[in-house]
Amino acid sequence: MAEDGDPQIMGKAIGGRVRTKVKNKSAAERQITAEQMLRESMERGGHDAAFRPPKRVITDHQELAELRLRKRKEFEDTIRRSRTNMGVWAQYALWEASQKEFERARSVFERAIDVDYRNQSIWLKYAEMEMKNRCINHARNVWDRAVSLLPRVDQFWFKFSYMEEMLGNVAGARQVFERWMKWAPTANAWNTYIKFEVRRRNIPRARSIYERMLITHNELETYLKFAKFEVKHGKREYARLVYERALKELEEEAHRENFFV
């Protein structure tokens, strides 16, 4: 047993207790951060040590109705704070669609369109929702309104015509293309129409579309594509006529290197 004053006891007795003194108060060579302690704790406890909120299980219709009501209130509150945020409108409508509440989803989309009918994204999501859920007539109605209000947005026409073609409604797709061409669109739009007719193996109609295309796109590139089209389909004599026509109508512009290659 050590006696008082024994050098093994470093400290002073206070009230029967011994208070030890710290010999070295300098910082340790290896510092442990709170982040490191947390990481090591998770590694020892496995990934399950991380907090995960419990999954909510809906047990009856009343609870589901309450959940939907609360979710709708959250969306409505967000919309009131940021009425022009089309992303929130789209989330709201698509959430309603995920609940199979299609009439409510349509109502939300229509309200969004009233706020900003020029927003292309809201039209695309609206029509795609209808197509995804096989509401074809509703989708057709949405596309029809979209191209009527925003006829210069080529993407609407592309998707509208493609939907009709995929449904096997060739006459309907052709009607969409004809409406589109009345707006004298880009060369890419005309080429899409031509490819559609080629897929239908209706070469004479594709040829007539090229003729119409030359009215609004009387350019060397159009003549070259037209001539290659004729060669590809075994009409070299027609291709020769196209080249001669280009030389006559374009004059100096036709005298470029790629014309003679």
C-alpha atoms as a PDB file:
ATOM      1  CA  MET A   1       0.000   0.000   0.000  1.00  0.00           C
ATOM      2  CA  ALA A   2       1.375   3.375  -0.978  1.00  0.00           C
ATOM      3  CA  GLU A   3       1.939   5.977   1.693  1.00  0.00           C
ATOM      4  CA  ASP A   4       1.257   9.701   1.627  1.00  0.00           C
ATOM      5  CA  GLY A   5       3.818  11.446  -0.481  1.00  0.00           C
ATOM      6  CA  ASP A   6       4.431   8.334  -2.560  1.00  0.00           C
ATOM      7  CA  PRO A   7       5.521   9.557  -6.023  1.00  0.00           C
ATOM      8  CA  GLN A   8       3.196   6.974  -7.605  1.00  0.00           C
ATOM      9  CA  ILE A   9       0.236   9.111  -6.552  1.00  0.00           C
ATOM     10  CA  MET A  10       0.167  12.314  -8.568  1.00  0.00           C
ATOM     11  CA  GLY A  11      -2.443  14.650  -7.152  1.00  0.00           C
ATOM     12  CA  LYS A  12      -3.935  16.055  -4.012  1.00  0.00           C
ATOM     13  CA  ALA A  13      -6.501  14.517  -1.715  1.00  0.00           C
ATOM     14  CA  ILE A  14      -9.632  16.626  -1.611  1.00  0.00           C
ATOM     15  CA  GLY A  15     -12.482  15.423   0.594  1.00  0.00           C
ATOM     16  CA  GLY A  16     -11.186  11.879   0.528  1.00  0.00           C
ATOM     17  CA  ARG A  17     -10.803  11.881  -3.284  1.00  0.00           C
ATOM     18  CA  VAL A  18      -7.675  12.163  -5.341  1.00  0.00           C
ATOM     19  CA  ARG A  19      -7.572  14.704  -8.173  1.00  0.00           C
ATOM     20  CA  THR A  20      -5.015  13.658 -10.738  1.00  0.00           C
ATOM     21  CA  LYS A  21      -2.922  16.111 -12.672  1.00  0.00           C
ATOM     22  CA  VAL A  22      -2.464  16.010 -16.435  1.00  0.00           C
ATOM     23  CA  LYS A  23       1.220  15.746 -17.185  1.00  0.00           C
ATOM     24  CA  ASN A  24       1.097  16.637 -20.917  1.00  0.00           C
ATOM     25  CA  LYS A  25      -1.500  19.128 -22.147  1.00  0.00           C
ATOM     26  CA  SER A  26      -0.248  19.329 -25.742  1.00  0.00           C
ATOM     27  CA  ALA A  27      -2.446  18.063 -28.630  1.00  0.00           C
ATOM     28  CA  ALA A  28      -2.236  14.392 -29.494  1.00  0.00           C
ATOM     29  CA  GLU A  29      -0.439  13.456 -32.696  1.00  0.00           C
ATOM     30  CA  ARG A  30      -3.574  11.767 -34.055  1.00  0.00           C
ATOM     31  CA  GLN A  31      -6.738  13.837 -33.931  1.00  0.00           C
ATOM     32  CA  ILE A  32     -10.153  12.132 -34.174  1.00  0.00           C
ATOM     33  CA  THR A  33     -12.931  14.161 -35.743  1.00  0.00           C
ATOM     34  CA  ALA A  34     -16.637  13.818 -35.080  1.00  0.00           C
ATOM     35  CA  GLU A  35     -17.120  12.742 -38.698  1.00  0.00           C
ATOM     36  CA  GLN A  36     -14.592   9.923 -38.274  1.00  0.00           C
ATOM     37  CA  MET A  37     -16.237   8.759 -35.057  1.00  0.00           C
ATOM     38  CA  LEU A  38     -19.635   8.661 -36.765  1.00  0.00           C
ATOM     39  CA  ARG A  39     -18.254   6.774 -39.761  1.00  0.00           C
ATOM     40  CA  GLU A  40     -16.510   4.187 -37.591  1.00  0.00           C
ATOM     41  CA  SER A  41     -19.666   3.748 -35.554  1.00  0.00           C
ATOM     42  CA  MET A  42     -21.683   3.060 -38.715  1.00  0.00           C
ATOM     43  CA  GLU A  43     -19.038   0.635 -39.989  1.00  0.00           C
ATOM     44  CA  ARG A  44     -19.140  -1.339 -36.759  1.00  0.00           C
ATOM     45  CA  GLY A  45     -22.910  -1.343 -36.728  1.00  0.00           C
ATOM     46  CA  GLY A  46     -23.302  -2.019 -40.460  1.00  0.00           C
ATOM     47  CA  HIS A  47     -25.304   0.002 -42.983  1.00  0.00           C
ATOM     48  CA  ASP A  48     -28.487  -0.626 -41.025  1.00  0.00           C
ATOM     49  CA  ALA A  49     -27.160   1.724 -38.361  1.00  0.00           C
ATOM     50  CA  ALA A  50     -28.096   4.672 -40.602  1.00  0.00           C
ATOM     51  CA  PHE A  51     -31.481   6.154 -39.903  1.00  0.00           C
ATOM     52  CA  ARG A  52     -34.230   5.058 -42.237  1.00  0.00           C
ATOM     53  CA  PRO A  53     -37.764   6.328 -41.891  1.00  0.00           C
ATOM     54  CA  PRO A  54     -40.286   3.524 -41.518  1.00  0.00           C
ATOM     55  CA  LYS A  55     -42.394   2.640 -44.532  1.00  0.00           C
ATOM     56  CA  ARG A  56     -45.976   3.655 -44.193  1.00  0.00           C
ATOM     57  CA  VAL A  57     -48.533   0.945 -44.862  1.00  0.00           C
ATOM     58  CA  ILE A  58     -52.036   2.064 -45.815  1.00  0.00           C
ATOM     59  CA  THR A  59     -54.528  -0.217 -44.107  1.00  0.00           C
ATOM     60  CA  ASP A  60     -57.937   1.116 -45.175  1.00  0.00           C
ATOM     61  CA  HIS A  61     -59.712   3.431 -47.613  1.00  0.00           C
ATOM     62  CA  GLN A  62     -60.229   6.156 -45.031  1.00  0.00           C
ATOM     63  CA  GLU A  63     -56.514   6.392 -44.318  1.00  0.00           C
ATOM     64  CA  LEU A  64     -55.793   6.505 -48.058  1.00  0.00           C
ATOM     65  CA  ALA A  65     -58.337   9.289 -48.522  1.00  0.00           C
ATOM     66  CA  GLU A  66     -56.743  11.282 -45.698  1.00  0.00           C
ATOM     67  CA  LEU A  67     -53.291  10.818 -47.213  1.00  0.00           C
ATOM     68  CA  ARG A  68     -54.501  11.994 -50.621  1.00  0.00           C
ATOM     69  CA  LEU A  69     -56.246  14.994 -49.091  1.00  0.00           C
ATOM     70  CA  ARG A  70     -53.086  16.006 -47.252  1.00  0.00           C
ATOM     71  CA  LYS A  71     -50.979  15.573 -50.407  1.00  0.00           C
ATOM     72  CA  ARG A  72     -53.373  17.691 -52.468  1.00  0.00           C
ATOM     73  CA  LYS A  73     -53.293  20.417 -49.850  1.00  0.00           C
ATOM     74  CA  GLU A  74     -49.487  20.447 -50.007  1.00  0.00           C
ATOM     75  CA  PHE A  75     -49.562  20.803 -53.797  1.00  0.00           C
ATOM     76  CA  GLU A  76     -52.199  23.541 -53.687  1.00  0.00           C
ATOM     77  CA  ASP A  77     -50.224  25.482 -51.074  1.00  0.00           C
ATOM     78  CA  THR A  78     -47.085  25.222 -53.208  1.00  0.00           C
ATOM     79  CA  ILE A  79     -48.951  26.414 -56.299  1.00  0.00           C
ATOM     80  CA  ARG A  80     -50.339  29.415 -54.444  1.00  0.00           C
ATOM     81  CA  ARG A  81     -46.806  30.413 -53.494  1.00  0.00           C
ATOM     82  CA  SER A  82     -45.377  29.791 -56.973  1.00  0.00           C
ATOM     83  CA  ARG A  83     -48.171  29.913 -59.515  1.00  0.00           C
ATOM     84  CA  THR A  84     -45.936  30.108 -62.591  1.00  0.00           C
ATOM     85  CA  ASN A  85     -43.763  27.115 -61.660  1.00  0.00           C
ATOM     86  CA  MET A  86     -44.850  24.629 -64.338  1.00  0.00           C
ATOM     87  CA  GLY A  87     -42.732  21.892 -62.781  1.00  0.00           C
ATOM     88  CA  VAL A  88     -44.958  21.851 -59.692  1.00  0.00           C
ATOM     89  CA  TRP A  89     -48.099  21.774 -61.836  1.00  0.00           C
ATOM     90  CA  ALA A  90     -46.733  18.784 -63.759  1.00  0.00           C
ATOM     91  CA  GLN A  91     -45.790  16.937 -60.552  1.00  0.00           C
ATOM     92  CA  TYR A  92     -49.266  17.551 -59.165  1.00  0.00           C
ATOM     93  CA  ALA A  93     -51.018  16.292 -62.297  1.00  0.00           C
ATOM     94  CA  LEU A  94     -48.798  13.235 -62.687  1.00  0.00           C
ATOM     95  CA  TRP A  95     -49.270  12.367 -59.018  1.00  0.00           C
ATOM     96  CA  GLU A  96     -53.042  12.414 -59.569  1.00  0.00           C
ATOM     97  CA  ALA A  97     -52.551  10.147 -62.583  1.00  0.00           C
ATOM     98  CA  SER A  98     -50.478   7.756 -60.452  1.00  0.00           C
ATOM     99  CA  GLN A  99     -53.502   7.527 -58.142  1.00  0.00           C
ATOM    100  CA  LYS A 100     -55.662   6.660 -61.187  1.00  0.00           C
ATOM    101  CA  GLU A 101     -57.481   9.962 -60.688  1.00  0.00           C
ATOM    102  CA  PHE A 102     -57.363  10.888 -64.370  1.00  0.00           C
ATOM    103  CA  GLU A 103     -60.120  13.491 -64.289  1.00  0.00           C
ATOM    104  CA  ARG A 104     -58.322  15.300 -61.487  1.00  0.00           C
ATOM    105  CA  ALA A 105     -55.034  15.025 -63.393  1.00  0.00           C
ATOM    106  CA  ARG A 106     -56.635  16.568 -66.483  1.00  0.00           C
ATOM    107  CA  SER A 107     -58.104  19.337 -64.368  1.00  0.00           C
ATOM    108  CA  VAL A 108     -54.644  20.194 -63.004  1.00  0.00           C
ATOM    109  CA  PHE A 109     -53.099  20.197 -66.482  1.00  0.00           C
ATOM    110  CA  GLU A 110     -55.889  22.444 -67.785  1.00  0.00           C
ATOM    111  CA  ARG A 111     -55.342  24.888 -64.924  1.00  0.00           C
ATOM    112  CA  ALA A 112     -51.625  24.940 -65.747  1.00  0.00           C
ATOM    113  CA  ILE A 113     -52.363  25.667 -69.411  1.00  0.00           C
ATOM    114  CA  ASP A 114     -54.593  28.558 -68.351  1.00  0.00           C
ATOM    115  CA  VAL A 115     -51.600  29.995 -66.499  1.00  0.00           C
ATOM    116  CA  ASP A 116     -49.102  29.566 -69.365  1.00  0.00           C
ATOM    117  CA  TYR A 117     -50.278  27.903 -72.567  1.00  0.00           C
ATOM    118  CA  ARG A 118     -46.950  28.674 -74.260  1.00  0.00           C
ATOM    119  CA  ASN A 119     -45.065  26.290 -71.996  1.00  0.00           C
ATOM    120  CA  GLN A 120     -44.131  23.369 -74.244  1.00  0.00           C
ATOM    121  CA  SER A 121     -43.227  20.997 -71.418  1.00  0.00           C
ATOM    122  CA  ILE A 122     -46.710  21.035 -69.895  1.00  0.00           C
ATOM    123  CA  TRP A 123     -48.307  20.079 -73.241  1.00  0.00           C
ATOM    124  CA  LEU A 124     -45.814  17.249 -73.751  1.00  0.00           C
ATOM    125  CA  LYS A 125     -46.374  15.809 -70.275  1.00  0.00           C
ATOM    126  CA  TYR A 126     -50.140  16.152 -70.659  1.00  0.00           C
ATOM    127  CA  ALA A 127     -50.252  14.245 -73.949  1.00  0.00           C
ATOM    128  CA  GLU A 128     -47.733  11.635 -72.807  1.00  0.00           C
ATOM    129  CA  MET A 129     -49.812  10.970 -69.692  1.00  0.00           C
ATOM    130  CA  GLU A 130     -52.841  10.274 -71.876  1.00  0.00           C
ATOM    131  CA  MET A 131     -50.880   8.007 -74.216  1.00  0.00           C
ATOM    132  CA  LYS A 132     -49.235   6.119 -71.359  1.00  0.00           C
ATOM    133  CA  ASN A 133     -52.644   5.297 -69.920  1.00  0.00           C
ATOM    134  CA  ARG A 134     -54.050   4.412 -73.366  1.00  0.00           C
ATOM    135  CA  CYS A 135     -56.496   7.308 -73.406  1.00  0.00           C
ATOM    136  CA  ILE A 136     -55.960   7.762 -77.134  1.00  0.00           C
ATOM    137  CA  ASN A 137     -58.835  10.103 -77.900  1.00  0.00           C
ATOM    138  CA  HIS A 138     -57.813  12.360 -75.027  1.00  0.00           C
ATOM    139  CA  ALA A 139     -54.201  12.324 -76.256  1.00  0.00           C
ATOM    140  CA  ARG A 140     -55.353  13.150 -79.778  1.00  0.00           C
ATOM    141  CA  ASN A 141     -57.340  16.078 -78.417  1.00  0.00           C
ATOM    142  CA  VAL A 142     -54.329  17.393 -76.487  1.00  0.00           C
ATOM    143  CA  TRP A 143     -52.028  17.178 -79.527  1.00  0.00           C
ATOM    144  CA  ASP A 144     -54.646  18.840 -81.716  1.00  0.00           C
ATOM    145  CA  ARG A 145     -54.933  21.787 -79.340  1.00  0.00           C
ATOM    146  CA  ALA A 146     -51.164  22.016 -78.929  1.00  0.00           C
ATOM    147  CA  VAL A 147     -50.444  22.259 -82.669  1.00  0.00           C
ATOM    148  CA  SER A 148     -53.300  24.721 -83.106  1.00  0.00           C
ATOM    149  CA  LEU A 149     -52.033  27.074 -80.403  1.00  0.00           C
ATOM    150  CA  LEU A 150     -48.298  26.587 -81.053  1.00  0.00           C
ATOM    151  CA  PRO A 151     -47.979  25.587 -84.726  1.00  0.00           C
ATOM    152  CA  ARG A 152     -44.287  26.509 -84.894  1.00  0.00           C
ATOM    153  CA  VAL A 153     -43.257  23.890 -82.347  1.00  0.00           C
ATOM    154  CA  ASP A 154     -42.116  21.026 -84.574  1.00  0.00           C
ATOM    155  CA  GLN A 155     -41.891  18.558 -81.698  1.00  0.00           C
ATOM    156  CA  PHE A 156     -45.678  18.608 -81.270  1.00  0.00           C
ATOM    157  CA  TRP A 157     -46.226  17.747 -84.928  1.00  0.00           C
ATOM    158  CA  PHE A 158     -43.576  15.023 -84.844  1.00  0.00           C
ATOM    159  CA  LYS A 159     -45.138  13.300 -81.849  1.00  0.00           C
ATOM    160  CA  PHE A 160     -48.703  13.764 -83.085  1.00  0.00           C
ATOM    161  CA  SER A 161     -47.994  12.193 -86.482  1.00  0.00           C
ATOM    162  CA  TYR A 162     -45.873   9.431 -84.949  1.00  0.00           C
ATOM    163  CA  MET A 163     -48.659   8.495 -82.525  1.00  0.00           C
ATOM    164  CA  GLU A 164     -51.146   8.171 -85.372  1.00  0.00           C
ATOM    165  CA  GLU A 165     -48.712   6.074 -87.403  1.00  0.00           C
ATOM    166  CA  MET A 166     -48.015   3.737 -84.467  1.00  0.00           C
ATOM    167  CA  LEU A 167     -51.763   3.286 -84.029  1.00  0.00           C
ATOM    168  CA  GLY A 168     -51.996   2.230 -87.667  1.00  0.00           C
ATOM    169  CA  ASN A 169     -54.037   5.308 -88.500  1.00  0.00           C
ATOM    170  CA  VAL A 170     -52.217   6.093 -91.755  1.00  0.00           C
ATOM    171  CA  ALA A 171     -54.904   8.458 -93.008  1.00  0.00           C
ATOM    172  CA  GLY A 172     -54.850  10.319 -89.689  1.00  0.00           C
ATOM    173  CA  ALA A 173     -51.049  10.628 -89.746  1.00  0.00           C
ATOM    174  CA  ARG A 174     -51.150  11.913 -93.324  1.00  0.00           C
ATOM    175  CA  GLN A 175     -53.769  14.464 -92.329  1.00  0.00           C
ATOM    176  CA  VAL A 176     -51.509  15.700 -89.521  1.00  0.00           C
ATOM    177  CA  PHE A 177     -48.610  16.050 -91.963  1.00  0.00           C
ATOM    178  CA  GLU A 178     -50.759  17.971 -94.429  1.00  0.00           C
ATOM    179  CA  ARG A 179     -51.821  20.413 -91.712  1.00  0.00           C
ATOM    180  CA  TRP A 180     -48.186  20.803 -90.752  1.00  0.00           C
ATOM    181  CA  MET A 181     -46.968  21.508 -94.288  1.00  0.00           C
ATOM    182  CA  LYS A 182     -49.420  24.397 -94.624  1.00  0.00           C
ATOM    183  CA  TRP A 183     -47.215  26.293 -92.177  1.00  0.00           C
ATOM    184  CA  ALA A 184     -44.230  26.002 -94.551  1.00  0.00           C
ATOM    185  CA  PRO A 185     -42.064  24.332 -91.896  1.00  0.00           C
ATOM    186  CA  THR A 186     -38.360  23.507 -91.941  1.00  0.00           C
ATOM    187  CA  ALA A 187     -36.772  21.140 -94.445  1.00  0.00           C
ATOM    188  CA  ASN A 188     -36.509  18.562 -91.670  1.00  0.00           C
ATOM    189  CA  ALA A 189     -40.304  18.506 -91.368  1.00  0.00           C
ATOM    190  CA  TRP A 190     -40.720  17.921 -95.113  1.00  0.00           C
ATOM    191  CA  ASN A 191     -38.127  15.144 -95.014  1.00  0.00           C
ATOM    192  CA  THR A 192     -40.040  13.499 -92.171  1.00  0.00           C
ATOM    193  CA  TYR A 193     -43.200  13.505 -94.279  1.00  0.00           C
ATOM    194  CA  ILE A 194     -41.300  12.018 -97.234  1.00  0.00           C
ATOM    195  CA  LYS A 195     -39.840   9.251 -95.058  1.00  0.00           C
ATOM    196  CA  PHE A 196     -43.325   8.480 -93.783  1.00  0.00           C
ATOM    197  CA  GLU A 197     -44.581   7.912 -97.333  1.00  0.00           C
ATOM    198  CA  VAL A 198     -41.505   5.849 -98.192  1.00  0.00           C
ATOM    199  CA  ARG A 199     -42.237   3.612 -95.182  1.00  0.00           C
ATOM    200  CA  ARG A 200     -45.728   3.191 -96.626  1.00  0.00           C
ATOM    201  CA  ARG A 201     -44.023   2.326 -99.957  1.00  0.00           C
ATOM    202  CA  ASN A 202     -45.949   5.127-101.601  1.00  0.00           C
ATOM    203  CA  ILE A 203     -43.134   6.416-103.818  1.00  0.00           C
ATOM    204  CA  PRO A 204     -45.310   8.557-106.151  1.00  0.00           C
ATOM    205  CA  ARG A 205     -46.691  10.466-103.162  1.00  0.00           C
ATOM    206  CA  ALA A 206     -43.187  10.927-101.737  1.00  0.00           C
ATOM    207  CA  ARG A 207     -42.104  12.314-105.119  1.00  0.00           C
ATOM    208  CA  SER A 208     -44.990  14.787-105.124  1.00  0.00           C
ATOM    209  CA  ILE A 209     -43.970  15.970-101.640  1.00  0.00           C
ATOM    210  CA  TYR A 210     -40.468  16.680-102.941  1.00  0.00           C
ATOM    211  CA  GLU A 211     -42.028  18.787-105.692  1.00  0.00           C
ATOM    212  CA  ARG A 212     -44.001  20.792-103.131  1.00  0.00           C
ATOM    213  CA  MET A 213     -40.947  21.107-100.912  1.00  0.00           C
ATOM    214  CA  LEU A 214     -39.063  22.853-103.708  1.00  0.00           C
ATOM    215  CA  ILE A 215     -41.592  25.686-103.595  1.00  0.00           C
ATOM    216  CA  THR A 216     -40.663  26.695-100.044  1.00  0.00           C
ATOM    217  CA  HIS A 217     -37.106  25.304 -99.990  1.00  0.00           C
ATOM    218  CA  ASN A 218     -35.795  26.045-103.460  1.00  0.00           C
ATOM    219  CA  GLU A 219     -32.222  25.261-102.465  1.00  0.00           C
ATOM    220  CA  LEU A 220     -29.395  23.161-103.824  1.00  0.00           C
ATOM    221  CA  GLU A 221     -29.613  20.757-100.876  1.00  0.00           C
ATOM    222  CA  THR A 222     -33.244  19.983-101.701  1.00  0.00           C
ATOM    223  CA  TYR A 223     -32.455  19.247-105.360  1.00  0.00           C
ATOM    224  CA  LEU A 224     -29.577  16.970-104.406  1.00  0.00           C
ATOM    225  CA  LYS A 225     -31.739  14.967-101.999  1.00  0.00           C
ATOM    226  CA  PHE A 226     -34.506  14.763-104.592  1.00  0.00           C
ATOM    227  CA  ALA A 227     -32.102  13.446-107.233  1.00  0.00           C
ATOM    228  CA  LYS A 228     -30.594  10.872-104.855  1.00  0.00           C
ATOM    229  CA  PHE A 229     -34.115   9.779-103.954  1.00  0.00           C
ATOM    230  CA  GLU A 230     -34.850   9.081-107.631  1.00  0.00           C
ATOM    231  CA  VAL A 231     -31.590   7.170-108.103  1.00  0.00           C
ATOM    232  CA  LYS A 232     -32.255   5.080-105.002  1.00  0.00           C
ATOM    233  CA  HIS A 233     -35.647   4.052-106.368  1.00  0.00           C
ATOM    234  CA  GLY A 234     -34.337   3.181-109.817  1.00  0.00           C
ATOM    235  CA  LYS A 235     -35.440   6.320-111.660  1.00  0.00           C
ATOM    236  CA  ARG A 236     -32.185   7.632-113.103  1.00  0.00           C
ATOM    237  CA  GLU A 237     -33.974   9.458-115.897  1.00  0.00           C
ATOM    238  CA  TYR A 238     -36.001  11.358-113.282  1.00  0.00           C
ATOM    239  CA  ALA A 239     -32.814  12.143-111.364  1.00  0.00           C
ATOM    240  CA  ARG A 240     -31.292  13.605-114.540  1.00  0.00           C
ATOM    241  CA  LEU A 241     -34.309  15.870-114.951  1.00  0.00           C
ATOM    242  CA  VAL A 242     -33.942  17.057-111.349  1.00  0.00           C
ATOM    243  CA  TYR A 243     -30.272  17.948-111.919  1.00  0.00           C
ATOM    244  CA  GLU A 244     -31.103  19.809-115.124  1.00  0.00           C
ATOM    245  CA  ARG A 245     -33.859  21.685-113.357  1.00  0.00           C
ATOM    246  CA  ALA A 246     -31.446  22.696-110.582  1.00  0.00           C
ATOM    247  CA  LEU A 247     -28.950  24.059-113.120  1.00  0.00           C
ATOM    248  CA  LYS A 248     -31.685  26.078-114.757  1.00  0.00           C
ATOM    249  CA  GLU A 249     -33.399  27.475-111.655  1.00  0.00           C
ATOM    250  CA  LEU A 250     -30.429  27.968-109.328  1.00  0.00           C
ATOM    251  CA  GLU A 251     -27.986  29.172-111.995  1.00  0.00           C
ATOM    252  CA  GLU A 252     -24.726  30.185-110.251  1.00  0.00           C
ATOM    253  CA  GLU A 253     -25.643  28.538-106.943  1.00  0.00           C
ATOM    254  CA  ALA A 254     -25.771  25.157-108.663  1.00  0.00           C
ATOM    255  CA  HIS A 255     -22.198  25.512-109.881  1.00  0.00           C
ATOM    256  CA  ARG A 256     -20.707  24.232-106.668  1.00  0.00           C
ATOM    257  CA  GLU A 257     -18.354  21.336-106.162  1.00  0.00           C
ATOM    258  CA  ASN A 258     -20.821  19.095-104.300  1.00  0.00           C
ATOM    259  CA  PHE A 259     -23.289  19.392-107.189  1.00  0.00           C
ATOM    260  CA  PHE A 260     -20.896  17.647-109.574  1.00  0.00           C
ATOM    261  CA  VAL A 261     -19.634  14.985-107.157  1.00  0.00           C
END
